[in-house]
Amino acid sequence: MKRRFALPFAAVLSTSLATSLALALSGAAHGAYPSSIASTGDSITRTLNDCWFPYVDANDVCASSEAAMTDVGVFRAQFGAAMASLTASLPSARVFVSSIPDVDQLFSLYRYDLGANSVWAVAGICQSMLAYPFSNSPGDVARRARVRQRNIDYNIQLAQVCALYTQCRFDGNAVFNTAFVRSDVTTRDYFHPSAAGQTKLAAVTWPATFSFVQ
C-alpha cells in the first residue's frame, strides 16, 4: 500500500482496489461543500482504462500470487500510519474511505470466458485470485476462498482504523457488497471497472460519505 500526500489542500490514503478520498474543508462551515476533493489509491481509484487511450494511470488483494499478498497486520499498520500522518498534517480534512471491492465477483463473471482468461494469464492480472480459472482442484478452490477472506480482512482493518478518527468515514462495505455485471467491467483487460462500473461505484459511495449540504 502506497501513501501520497502531495496536494496542498487534501491528502489521500491508498488501499488496494479501494477508493479513498480526503475532503479538505479549508475553513468552510459545517454543511457546506468542501473547497477541494482529492483521491488516490490503486488503478481502480484512478479509473484506469476508462479514457480513450488505454493502460495509463498497488495492490494488496490482487498480487502476483497468494504468497505475495500483503499481510493483514502490515496492511493495518500502513493504513494506520497513513491516517495518523494525514490527520496530523490536515486536521480539518474529512476522510472518506471506501471498502475494497469483492474480487471474487470478477472471477465469477468471467471465469469461463476464454478471452478474459487469456488476458488474465498473459498480463498476469490478479493471479492471487484469477490464476487457473477453470480449475476445480481442492487446492485452487481453497486458495480462492483464502484470497476472498483476506479481502474481507483488509476491509475490517479499514473500518476499525477509520473508526478511531472522528473525521473519518468508512463506507460500511458498500463497495464490497456492490453487485457487478459484465458491462461494469472493461473488456480491455477484463479487470478494471468500465465507465458504467465507475458510475455504479460513484452511486453507492456518494450516499455513504459525509452529508455536506443539510
Protein backbone atom coordinates (compact mmCIF):
# COMPACT_ATOMS: atom_id res chain seq x y z
CA MET A 1 0.00 0.00 0.00
CA LYS A 2 1.47 3.33 -1.03
CA ARG A 3 0.71 6.70 0.51
CA ARG A 4 0.82 10.07 -1.20
CA PHE A 5 0.49 13.45 0.48
CA ALA A 6 1.40 15.84 -2.30
CA LEU A 7 -1.68 18.05 -2.63
CA PRO A 8 -1.86 21.30 -0.65
CA PHE A 9 -5.49 21.07 0.49
CA ALA A 10 -6.20 17.37 0.58
CA ALA A 11 -4.26 14.23 1.21
CA VAL A 12 -5.24 10.77 0.21
CA LEU A 13 -4.92 7.25 1.50
CA SER A 14 -4.03 4.43 -0.81
CA THR A 15 -5.59 1.00 -0.40
CA SER A 16 -5.61 -1.80 -2.92
CA LEU A 17 -8.71 -1.95 -5.02
CA ALA A 18 -10.20 0.82 -2.84
CA THR A 19 -11.30 4.37 -3.45
CA SER A 20 -10.00 6.64 -0.70
CA LEU A 21 -10.99 10.29 -0.56
CA ALA A 22 -9.72 13.09 1.65
CA LEU A 23 -12.03 16.06 1.79
CA ALA A 24 -10.48 19.33 2.99
CA LEU A 25 -12.89 21.98 4.18
CA SER A 26 -10.43 24.91 4.28
CA GLY A 27 -12.49 26.75 6.85
CA ALA A 28 -15.87 26.13 5.23
CA ALA A 29 -18.81 25.90 7.61
CA HIS A 30 -20.25 22.52 8.51
CA GLY A 31 -22.81 21.53 5.93
CA ALA A 32 -21.05 23.24 3.03
CA TYR A 33 -19.33 21.50 0.16
CA PRO A 34 -15.56 21.09 0.61
CA SER A 35 -13.29 23.55 -1.14
CA SER A 36 -11.29 20.70 -2.66
CA ILE A 37 -11.51 16.96 -3.13
CA ALA A 38 -8.65 14.63 -3.94
CA SER A 39 -8.38 10.89 -4.36
CA THR A 40 -5.67 8.33 -4.83
CA GLY A 41 -5.17 4.64 -4.44
CA ASP A 42 -4.93 1.77 -6.84
CA SER A 43 -5.72 1.72 -10.55
CA ILE A 44 -9.46 1.38 -9.93
CA THR A 45 -9.39 4.59 -7.90
CA ARG A 46 -7.63 6.28 -10.81
CA THR A 47 -10.20 4.88 -13.29
CA LEU A 48 -7.59 3.06 -15.36
CA ASN A 49 -8.73 2.09 -18.87
CA ASP A 50 -11.76 4.41 -18.91
CA CYS A 51 -10.06 7.03 -21.10
CA TRP A 52 -9.76 6.87 -24.88
CA PHE A 53 -6.09 5.93 -24.50
CA PRO A 54 -5.78 2.68 -22.51
CA TYR A 55 -3.35 1.48 -19.87
CA VAL A 56 -2.46 4.83 -18.38
CA ASP A 57 -2.73 5.78 -14.99
CA ALA A 58 -0.50 -1.10 -5.75
CA ASN A 59 -2.25 -3.74 -4.88
CA ASP A 60 -2.74 -5.79 -1.71
CA VAL A 61 -5.50 -8.20 -2.75
CA CYS A 62 -4.53 -8.53 -6.39
CA ALA A 63 -0.96 -9.72 -6.21
CA SER A 64 1.11 -11.95 -8.46
CA SER A 65 0.33 -14.87 -6.15
CA GLU A 66 -1.37 -15.59 -2.85
CA ALA A 67 2.00 -15.52 -1.12
CA ALA A 68 2.69 -12.04 -2.47
CA MET A 69 -0.41 -10.56 -0.84
CA THR A 70 0.12 -8.04 1.95
CA ASP A 71 0.00 -9.43 5.47
CA VAL A 72 -3.11 -8.24 7.33
CA GLY A 73 -1.06 -6.84 10.20
CA VAL A 74 1.18 -4.94 7.81
CA PHE A 75 -1.86 -3.63 5.95
CA ARG A 76 -3.36 -2.29 9.18
CA ALA A 77 -0.08 -0.76 10.30
CA GLN A 78 0.43 1.03 6.99
CA PHE A 79 -3.12 2.31 6.85
CA GLY A 80 -2.89 3.42 10.48
CA ALA A 81 0.34 5.29 9.79
CA ALA A 82 -1.24 6.98 6.77
CA MET A 83 -4.25 8.08 8.82
CA ALA A 84 -2.07 9.38 11.63
CA SER A 85 0.07 11.37 9.19
CA LEU A 86 -2.92 12.73 7.33
CA THR A 87 -4.90 13.83 10.35
CA ALA A 88 -1.84 15.43 11.92
CA SER A 89 -0.99 17.34 8.75
CA LEU A 90 -4.56 18.24 7.80
CA PRO A 91 -6.64 18.25 10.97
CA SER A 92 -9.60 19.94 9.25
CA ALA A 93 -9.81 17.36 6.46
CA ARG A 94 -12.65 14.87 6.31
CA VAL A 95 -11.53 11.47 5.10
CA PHE A 96 -13.79 9.06 3.26
CA VAL A 97 -12.51 5.50 2.89
CA SER A 98 -14.30 3.04 0.68
CA SER A 99 -14.08 -0.70 1.04
CA ILE A 100 -12.10 -2.88 -1.33
CA PRO A 101 -14.33 -4.48 -4.00
CA ASP A 102 -15.10 -8.19 -3.83
CA VAL A 103 -12.61 -9.56 -6.35
CA ASP A 104 -14.32 -12.95 -6.26
CA GLN A 105 -17.17 -11.35 -8.21
CA LEU A 106 -14.82 -10.65 -11.10
CA PHE A 107 -13.70 -14.27 -11.08
CA SER A 108 -17.32 -15.46 -11.16
CA LEU A 109 -18.29 -13.13 -14.02
CA TYR A 110 -15.54 -14.10 -16.43
CA ARG A 111 -14.29 -17.46 -15.18
CA TYR A 112 -15.32 -19.35 -18.30
CA ASP A 113 -14.62 -16.58 -20.83
CA LEU A 114 -11.65 -17.63 -22.97
CA GLY A 115 -10.81 -14.08 -23.95
CA ALA A 116 -10.74 -12.94 -20.33
CA ASN A 117 -8.75 -16.00 -19.27
CA SER A 118 -6.13 -15.30 -21.93
CA VAL A 119 -5.74 -11.67 -20.90
CA TRP A 120 -5.51 -12.58 -17.21
CA ALA A 121 -2.82 -15.16 -17.91
CA VAL A 122 -0.72 -13.19 -20.41
CA ALA A 123 -0.85 -9.94 -18.45
CA GLY A 124 -0.51 -11.68 -15.09
CA ILE A 125 -3.58 -9.93 -13.74
CA CYS A 126 -4.54 -10.60 -10.12
CA GLN A 127 -3.11 -14.09 -10.12
CA SER A 128 -3.75 -14.45 -6.41
CA MET A 129 -7.43 -14.89 -7.34
CA LEU A 130 -7.54 -15.34 -11.12
CA ALA A 131 -4.86 -17.98 -11.73
CA TYR A 132 -6.13 -21.26 -13.23
CA PRO A 133 -9.75 -20.07 -13.52
CA PHE A 134 -11.03 -23.37 -14.98
CA SER A 135 -9.55 -25.44 -12.18
CA ASN A 136 -11.80 -27.03 -9.58
CA SER A 137 -8.97 -28.73 -7.75
CA PRO A 138 -9.23 -28.56 -3.94
CA GLY A 139 -6.06 -26.50 -3.81
CA ASP A 140 -7.32 -23.82 -6.20
CA VAL A 141 -10.77 -23.70 -4.59
CA ALA A 142 -9.15 -23.26 -1.17
CA ARG A 143 -6.79 -20.58 -2.50
CA ARG A 144 -9.66 -18.52 -3.87
CA ALA A 145 -11.50 -18.79 -0.57
CA ARG A 146 -8.42 -17.62 1.34
CA VAL A 147 -7.91 -14.68 -1.02
CA ARG A 148 -11.53 -13.60 -0.60
CA GLN A 149 -11.18 -13.87 3.18
CA ARG A 150 -8.07 -11.70 3.01
CA ASN A 151 -10.13 -9.22 1.00
CA ILE A 152 -12.68 -9.20 3.84
CA ASP A 153 -9.95 -8.94 6.49
CA TYR A 154 -8.50 -5.86 4.81
CA ASN A 155 -11.90 -4.19 4.89
CA ILE A 156 -12.21 -4.98 8.59
CA GLN A 157 -8.92 -3.18 9.19
CA LEU A 158 -10.06 -0.18 7.16
CA ALA A 159 -13.27 0.05 9.21
CA GLN A 160 -11.52 -0.37 12.56
CA VAL A 161 -8.78 2.17 11.92
CA CYS A 162 -11.18 4.69 10.40
CA ALA A 163 -13.40 4.39 13.49
CA LEU A 164 -10.55 5.74 15.61
CA TYR A 165 -10.87 9.15 13.94
CA THR A 166 -13.90 11.41 14.21
CA GLN A 167 -13.10 12.94 10.81
CA CYS A 168 -13.02 9.57 9.03
CA ARG A 169 -15.98 7.86 7.40
CA PHE A 170 -15.92 4.25 6.15
CA ASP A 171 -18.46 3.18 3.54
CA GLY A 172 -19.83 0.27 5.60
CA ASN A 173 -18.69 -2.17 2.90
CA ALA A 174 -20.91 -0.52 0.30
CA VAL A 175 -18.33 -1.08 -2.46
CA PHE A 176 -17.54 -4.63 -1.37
CA ASN A 177 -21.25 -5.51 -1.44
CA THR A 178 -21.93 -3.90 -4.83
CA ALA A 179 -23.07 -6.46 -7.38
CA PHE A 180 -21.37 -6.19 -10.77
CA VAL A 181 -22.48 -7.40 -14.18
CA ARG A 182 -20.24 -7.94 -17.22
CA SER A 183 -20.93 -4.49 -18.64
CA ASP A 184 -19.46 -2.99 -15.47
CA VAL A 185 -16.03 -4.40 -16.39
CA THR A 186 -13.88 -3.11 -19.24
CA THR A 187 -13.01 -5.65 -21.93
CA ARG A 188 -9.59 -4.03 -22.38
CA ASP A 189 -8.26 -6.12 -19.51
CA TYR A 190 -11.34 -7.85 -18.03
CA PHE A 191 -10.40 -6.47 -14.66
CA HIS A 192 -10.94 -2.74 -14.18
CA PRO A 193 -14.41 -1.16 -13.99
CA SER A 194 -15.78 0.26 -17.22
CA ALA A 195 -17.33 3.74 -17.31
CA ALA A 196 -20.60 2.06 -16.30
CA GLY A 197 -18.86 0.30 -13.44
CA GLN A 198 -17.27 3.50 -12.20
CA THR A 199 -20.65 5.21 -12.39
CA LYS A 200 -22.15 2.42 -10.28
CA LEU A 201 -19.36 2.76 -7.70
CA ALA A 202 -19.90 6.52 -7.53
CA ALA A 203 -23.61 5.96 -6.99
CA VAL A 204 -23.04 3.69 -3.99
CA THR A 205 -20.22 5.68 -2.40
CA TRP A 206 -21.83 9.12 -2.57
CA PRO A 207 -24.62 8.28 -0.07
CA ALA A 208 -22.08 6.57 2.19
CA THR A 209 -19.85 9.60 2.63
CA PHE A 210 -20.39 12.81 4.57
CA SER A 211 -23.52 14.91 4.12
CA PHE A 212 -22.18 18.32 3.16
CA VAL A 213 -25.41 20.15 2.43
CA GLN A 214 -28.05 19.97 5.15
